[in-house]
PDB file of all heavy atoms in Angstrom:
ATOM      1  N   ALA A   1     100.864  88.686  92.425  1.00  0.00           N
ATOM      2  CA  ALA A   1      99.677  88.287  91.625  1.00  0.00           C
ATOM      3  C   ALA A   1      99.785  88.803  90.190  1.00  0.00           C
ATOM      4  O   ALA A   1      99.178  88.245  89.279  1.00  0.00           O
ATOM      5  CB  ALA A   1      98.493  88.920  92.267  1.00  0.00           C
ATOM      6  N   CYS A   2     100.642  89.843  89.932  1.00  0.00           N
ATOM      7  CA  CYS A   2     100.842  90.339  88.626  1.00  0.00           C
ATOM      8  C   CYS A   2     101.957  89.567  87.877  1.00  0.00           C
ATOM      9  O   CYS A   2     102.361  89.958  86.759  1.00  0.00           O
ATOM     10  CB  CYS A   2     101.109  91.859  88.628  1.00  0.00           C
ATOM     11  SG  CYS A   2      99.745  92.826  89.060  1.00  0.00           S
ATOM     12  N   GLY A   3     102.535  88.604  88.578  1.00  0.00           N
ATOM     13  CA  GLY A   3     103.620  87.792  87.987  1.00  0.00           C
ATOM     14  C   GLY A   3     105.008  88.472  87.975  1.00  0.00           C
ATOM     15  O   GLY A   3     105.841  88.149  87.184  1.00  0.00           O
ATOM     16  N   ILE A   4     105.214  89.444  88.861  1.00  0.00           N
ATOM     17  CA  ILE A   4     106.448  90.198  88.968  1.00  0.00           C
ATOM     18  C   ILE A   4     107.233  89.728  90.231  1.00  0.00           C
ATOM     19  O   ILE A   4     106.583  89.638  91.303  1.00  0.00           O
ATOM     20  CB  ILE A   4     106.184  91.642  89.000  1.00  0.00           C
ATOM     21  CG1 ILE A   4     105.340  92.075  87.737  1.00  0.00           C
ATOM     22  CG2 ILE A   4     107.478  92.479  89.114  1.00  0.00           C
ATOM     23  CD1 ILE A   4     104.824  93.564  87.793  1.00  0.00           C
ATOM     24  N   PRO A   5     108.486  89.492  90.172  1.00  0.00           N
ATOM     25  CA  PRO A   5     109.224  89.199  91.395  1.00  0.00           C
ATOM     26  C   PRO A   5     109.177  90.305  92.364  1.00  0.00           C
ATOM     27  O   PRO A   5     109.294  91.457  92.041  1.00  0.00           O
ATOM     28  CB  PRO A   5     110.739  88.940  90.876  1.00  0.00           C
ATOM     29  CG  PRO A   5     110.525  88.616  89.403  1.00  0.00           C
ATOM     30  CD  PRO A   5     109.356  89.362  88.915  1.00  0.00           C
ATOM     31  N   MET A   6     108.886  89.946  93.636  1.00  0.00           N
ATOM     32  CA  MET A   6     108.700  91.044  94.648  1.00  0.00           C
ATOM     33  C   MET A   6     109.898  91.854  94.837  1.00  0.00           C
ATOM     34  O   MET A   6     109.753  93.080  95.183  1.00  0.00           O
ATOM     35  CB  MET A   6     108.199  90.352  95.953  1.00  0.00           C
ATOM     36  CG  MET A   6     106.840  89.813  95.964  1.00  0.00           C
ATOM     37  SD  MET A   6     106.337  89.151  97.565  1.00  0.00           S
ATOM     38  CE  MET A   6     107.446  87.695  97.699  1.00  0.00           C
ATOM     39  N   SER A   7     111.118  91.271  94.567  1.00  0.00           N
ATOM     40  CA  SER A   7     112.298  92.040  94.752  1.00  0.00           C
ATOM     41  C   SER A   7     112.508  93.178  93.748  1.00  0.00           C
ATOM     42  O   SER A   7     113.333  94.087  93.935  1.00  0.00           O
ATOM     43  CB  SER A   7     113.562  91.151  94.755  1.00  0.00           C
ATOM     44  OG  SER A   7     113.580  90.487  93.485  1.00  0.00           O
ATOM     45  N   ARG A   8     111.725  93.063  92.690  1.00  0.00           N
ATOM     46  CA  ARG A   8     111.868  94.019  91.613  1.00  0.00           C
ATOM     47  C   ARG A   8     111.156  95.311  91.898  1.00  0.00           C
ATOM     48  O   ARG A   8     111.607  96.432  91.398  1.00  0.00           O
ATOM     49  CB  ARG A   8     111.349  93.499  90.304  1.00  0.00           C
ATOM     50  CG  ARG A   8     111.745  94.241  89.061  1.00  0.00           C
ATOM     51  CD  ARG A   8     111.362  93.520  87.784  1.00  0.00           C
ATOM     52  NE  ARG A   8     112.055  92.210  87.679  1.00  0.00           N
ATOM     53  CZ  ARG A   8     111.776  91.348  86.721  1.00  0.00           C
ATOM     54  NH1 ARG A   8     110.881  91.556  85.866  1.00  0.00           N
ATOM     55  NH2 ARG A   8     112.498  90.184  86.687  1.00  0.00           N
ATOM     56  N   ILE A   9     110.113  95.302  92.627  1.00  0.00           N
ATOM     57  CA  ILE A   9     109.343  96.503  92.951  1.00  0.00           C
ATOM     58  C   ILE A   9     109.167  96.615  94.463  1.00  0.00           C
ATOM     59  O   ILE A   9     108.321  95.907  95.085  1.00  0.00           O
ATOM     60  CB  ILE A   9     108.012  96.607  92.228  1.00  0.00           C
ATOM     61  CG1 ILE A   9     108.193  96.385  90.751  1.00  0.00           C
ATOM     62  CG2 ILE A   9     107.209  97.833  92.592  1.00  0.00           C
ATOM     63  CD1 ILE A   9     106.892  96.361  89.908  1.00  0.00           C
ATOM     64  N   ARG A  10     109.859  97.420  95.125  1.00  0.00           N
ATOM     65  CA  ARG A  10     109.767  97.557  96.541  1.00  0.00           C
ATOM     66  C   ARG A  10     108.669  98.530  97.020  1.00  0.00           C
ATOM     67  O   ARG A  10     108.292  99.468  96.280  1.00  0.00           O
ATOM     68  CB  ARG A  10     111.112  98.028  97.171  1.00  0.00           C
ATOM     69  CG  ARG A  10     112.336  97.153  96.884  1.00  0.00           C
ATOM     70  CD  ARG A  10     112.201  95.868  97.671  1.00  0.00           C
ATOM     71  NE  ARG A  10     113.414  95.069  97.542  1.00  0.00           N
ATOM     72  CZ  ARG A  10     113.625  93.897  98.100  1.00  0.00           C
ATOM     73  NH1 ARG A  10     112.707  93.409  98.872  1.00  0.00           N
ATOM     74  NH2 ARG A  10     114.739  93.227  97.915  1.00  0.00           N
ATOM     75  N   PHE A  11     108.115  98.237  98.222  1.00  0.00           N
ATOM     76  CA  PHE A  11     107.078  99.130  98.762  1.00  0.00           C
ATOM     77  C   PHE A  11     107.661 100.463  99.130  1.00  0.00           C
ATOM     78  O   PHE A  11     108.643 100.555  99.790  1.00  0.00           O
ATOM     79  CB  PHE A  11     106.407  98.500 100.001  1.00  0.00           C
ATOM     80  CG  PHE A  11     105.508  99.439 100.736  1.00  0.00           C
ATOM     81  CD1 PHE A  11     104.207  99.505 100.416  1.00  0.00           C
ATOM     82  CD2 PHE A  11     106.056 100.220 101.798  1.00  0.00           C
ATOM     83  CE1 PHE A  11     103.359 100.367 101.097  1.00  0.00           C
ATOM     84  CE2 PHE A  11     105.177 101.085 102.472  1.00  0.00           C
ATOM     85  CZ  PHE A  11     103.852 101.205 102.137  1.00  0.00           C
ATOM     86  N   THR A  12     107.028 101.563  98.614  1.00  0.00           N
ATOM     87  CA  THR A  12     107.449 102.916  99.031  1.00  0.00           C
ATOM     88  C   THR A  12     106.132 103.789  99.207  1.00  0.00           C
ATOM     89  O   THR A  12     105.472 103.885  98.152  1.00  0.00           O
ATOM     90  CB  THR A  12     108.411 103.588  97.998  1.00  0.00           C
ATOM     91  OG1 THR A  12     109.466 102.762  97.830  1.00  0.00           O
ATOM     92  CG2 THR A  12     108.823 104.938  98.438  1.00  0.00           C
ATOM     93  N   HIS A  13     105.950 104.226 100.343  1.00  0.00           N
ATOM     94  CA  HIS A  13     104.687 105.077 100.475  1.00  0.00           C
ATOM     95  C   HIS A  13     104.646 106.156  99.505  1.00  0.00           C
ATOM     96  O   HIS A  13     105.634 106.948  99.355  1.00  0.00           O
ATOM     97  CB  HIS A  13     104.598 105.620 101.908  1.00  0.00           C
ATOM     98  CG  HIS A  13     103.412 106.529 102.064  1.00  0.00           C
ATOM     99  ND1 HIS A  13     102.190 106.076 102.425  1.00  0.00           N
ATOM    100  CD2 HIS A  13     103.360 107.929 101.964  1.00  0.00           C
ATOM    101  CE1 HIS A  13     101.305 107.180 102.384  1.00  0.00           C
ATOM    102  NE2 HIS A  13     102.065 108.279 102.168  1.00  0.00           N
ATOM    103  N   GLY A  14     103.491 106.343  98.778  1.00  0.00           N
ATOM    104  CA  GLY A  14     103.344 107.441  97.935  1.00  0.00           C
ATOM    105  C   GLY A  14     103.821 107.234  96.492  1.00  0.00           C
ATOM    106  O   GLY A  14     103.582 108.045  95.617  1.00  0.00           O
ATOM    107  N   GLN A  15     104.593 106.130  96.263  1.00  0.00           N
ATOM    108  CA  GLN A  15     105.040 105.898  94.891  1.00  0.00           C
ATOM    109  C   GLN A  15     103.907 105.637  93.985  1.00  0.00           C
ATOM    110  O   GLN A  15     102.968 105.017  94.351  1.00  0.00           O
ATOM    111  CB  GLN A  15     106.124 104.844  94.943  1.00  0.00           C
ATOM    112  CG  GLN A  15     105.579 103.414  94.997  1.00  0.00           C
ATOM    113  CD  GLN A  15     106.672 102.373  94.777  1.00  0.00           C
ATOM    114  OE1 GLN A  15     107.666 102.653  94.176  1.00  0.00           O
ATOM    115  NE2 GLN A  15     106.443 101.159  95.287  1.00  0.00           N
ATOM    116  N   VAL A  16     104.106 106.027  92.742  1.00  0.00           N
ATOM    117  CA  VAL A  16     103.177 105.715  91.596  1.00  0.00           C
ATOM    118  C   VAL A  16     104.062 105.247  90.449  1.00  0.00           C
ATOM    119  O   VAL A  16     104.880 105.954  89.973  1.00  0.00           O
ATOM    120  CB  VAL A  16     102.393 107.007  91.222  1.00  0.00           C
ATOM    121  CG1 VAL A  16     101.476 106.615  90.029  1.00  0.00           C
ATOM    122  CG2 VAL A  16     101.539 107.529  92.388  1.00  0.00           C
ATOM    123  N   GLN A  17     103.709 104.056  90.015  1.00  0.00           N
ATOM    124  CA  GLN A  17     104.422 103.500  88.857  1.00  0.00           C
ATOM    125  C   GLN A  17     103.559 102.683  88.017  1.00  0.00           C
ATOM    126  O   GLN A  17     102.570 102.064  88.502  1.00  0.00           O
ATOM    127  CB  GLN A  17     105.638 102.767  89.357  1.00  0.00           C
ATOM    128  CG  GLN A  17     105.410 101.618  90.250  1.00  0.00           C
ATOM    129  CD  GLN A  17     106.762 100.946  90.719  1.00  0.00           C
ATOM    130  OE1 GLN A  17     107.571 100.547  89.951  1.00  0.00           O
ATOM    131  NE2 GLN A  17     106.953 101.054  92.109  1.00  0.00           N
ATOM    132  N   THR A  18     103.903 102.499  86.769  1.00  0.00           N
ATOM    133  CA  THR A  18     103.096 101.663  85.834  1.00  0.00           C
ATOM    134  C   THR A  18     103.805 100.295  85.712  1.00  0.00           C
ATOM    135  O   THR A  18     104.936 100.226  85.410  1.00  0.00           O
ATOM    136  CB  THR A  18     102.999 102.368  84.439  1.00  0.00           C
ATOM    137  OG1 THR A  18     102.444 103.629  84.634  1.00  0.00           O
ATOM    138  CG2 THR A  18     102.148 101.519  83.547  1.00  0.00           C
ATOM    139  N   LEU A  19     103.025  99.239  85.977  1.00  0.00           N
ATOM    140  CA  LEU A  19     103.474  97.901  85.847  1.00  0.00           C
ATOM    141  C   LEU A  19     103.553  97.470  84.425  1.00  0.00           C
ATOM    142  O   LEU A  19     102.849  98.084  83.530  1.00  0.00           O
ATOM    143  CB  LEU A  19     102.517  96.986  86.667  1.00  0.00           C
ATOM    144  CG  LEU A  19     102.420  97.271  88.110  1.00  0.00           C
ATOM    145  CD1 LEU A  19     101.482  96.226  88.777  1.00  0.00           C
ATOM    146  CD2 LEU A  19     103.791  97.309  88.852  1.00  0.00           C
ATOM    147  N   PRO A  20     104.260  96.435  84.057  1.00  0.00           N
ATOM    148  CA  PRO A  20     104.348  95.929  82.734  1.00  0.00           C
ATOM    149  C   PRO A  20     102.977  95.590  82.101  1.00  0.00           C
ATOM    150  O   PRO A  20     102.837  95.693  80.895  1.00  0.00           O
ATOM    151  CB  PRO A  20     105.191  94.646  82.837  1.00  0.00           C
ATOM    152  CG  PRO A  20     106.055  94.907  84.043  1.00  0.00           C
ATOM    153  CD  PRO A  20     105.239  95.659  84.980  1.00  0.00           C
ATOM    154  N   ASN A  21     102.044  95.221  82.883  1.00  0.00           N
ATOM    155  CA  ASN A  21     100.664  94.993  82.400  1.00  0.00           C
ATOM    156  C   ASN A  21      99.749  96.183  82.168  1.00  0.00           C
ATOM    157  O   ASN A  21      98.646  96.120  81.781  1.00  0.00           O
ATOM    158  CB  ASN A  21      99.969  93.952  83.238  1.00  0.00           C
ATOM    159  CG  ASN A  21      99.775  94.451  84.723  1.00  0.00           C
ATOM    160  OD1 ASN A  21     100.089  95.645  85.030  1.00  0.00           O
ATOM    161  ND2 ASN A  21      99.182  93.629  85.582  1.00  0.00           N
ATOM    162  N   GLY A  22     100.393  97.367  82.487  1.00  0.00           N
ATOM    163  CA  GLY A  22      99.725  98.687  82.236  1.00  0.00           C
ATOM    164  C   GLY A  22      99.063  99.243  83.424  1.00  0.00           C
ATOM    165  O   GLY A  22      98.564 100.374  83.394  1.00  0.00           O
ATOM    166  N   LEU A  23      98.844  98.454  84.505  1.00  0.00           N
ATOM    167  CA  LEU A  23      98.211  98.913  85.699  1.00  0.00           C
ATOM    168  C   LEU A  23      99.085  99.936  86.398  1.00  0.00           C
ATOM    169  O   LEU A  23     100.331  99.828  86.498  1.00  0.00           O
ATOM    170  CB  LEU A  23      97.916  97.766  86.661  1.00  0.00           C
ATOM    171  CG  LEU A  23      96.781  96.834  86.332  1.00  0.00           C
ATOM    172  CD1 LEU A  23      96.635  95.764  87.356  1.00  0.00           C
ATOM    173  CD2 LEU A  23      95.461  97.622  86.140  1.00  0.00           C
ATOM    174  N   VAL A  24      98.451 100.980  86.896  1.00  0.00           N
ATOM    175  CA  VAL A  24      99.119 101.939  87.792  1.00  0.00           C
ATOM    176  C   VAL A  24      99.135 101.411  89.269  1.00  0.00           C
ATOM    177  O   VAL A  24      98.056 101.033  89.779  1.00  0.00           O
ATOM    178  CB  VAL A  24      98.423 103.349  87.778  1.00  0.00           C
ATOM    179  CG1 VAL A  24      99.109 104.282  88.825  1.00  0.00           C
ATOM    180  CG2 VAL A  24      98.660 103.943  86.412  1.00  0.00           C
ATOM    181  N   LEU A  25     100.339 101.273  89.879  1.00  0.00           N
ATOM    182  CA  LEU A  25     100.412 100.852  91.249  1.00  0.00           C
ATOM    183  C   LEU A  25     100.790 101.963  92.198  1.00  0.00           C
ATOM    184  O   LEU A  25     101.830 102.612  91.883  1.00  0.00           O
ATOM    185  CB  LEU A  25     101.474  99.730  91.310  1.00  0.00           C
ATOM    186  CG  LEU A  25     101.801  99.107  92.653  1.00  0.00           C
ATOM    187  CD1 LEU A  25     100.603  98.401  93.256  1.00  0.00           C
ATOM    188  CD2 LEU A  25     102.971  98.255  92.647  1.00  0.00           C
TER     189      LEU A  25
END
């Protein structure tokens, strides 16, 4: 939904990262 290929950001429990649009995921 953020327009990012799913393969680029894998699910990892507890991870915190900032997406290119500035949202913290």
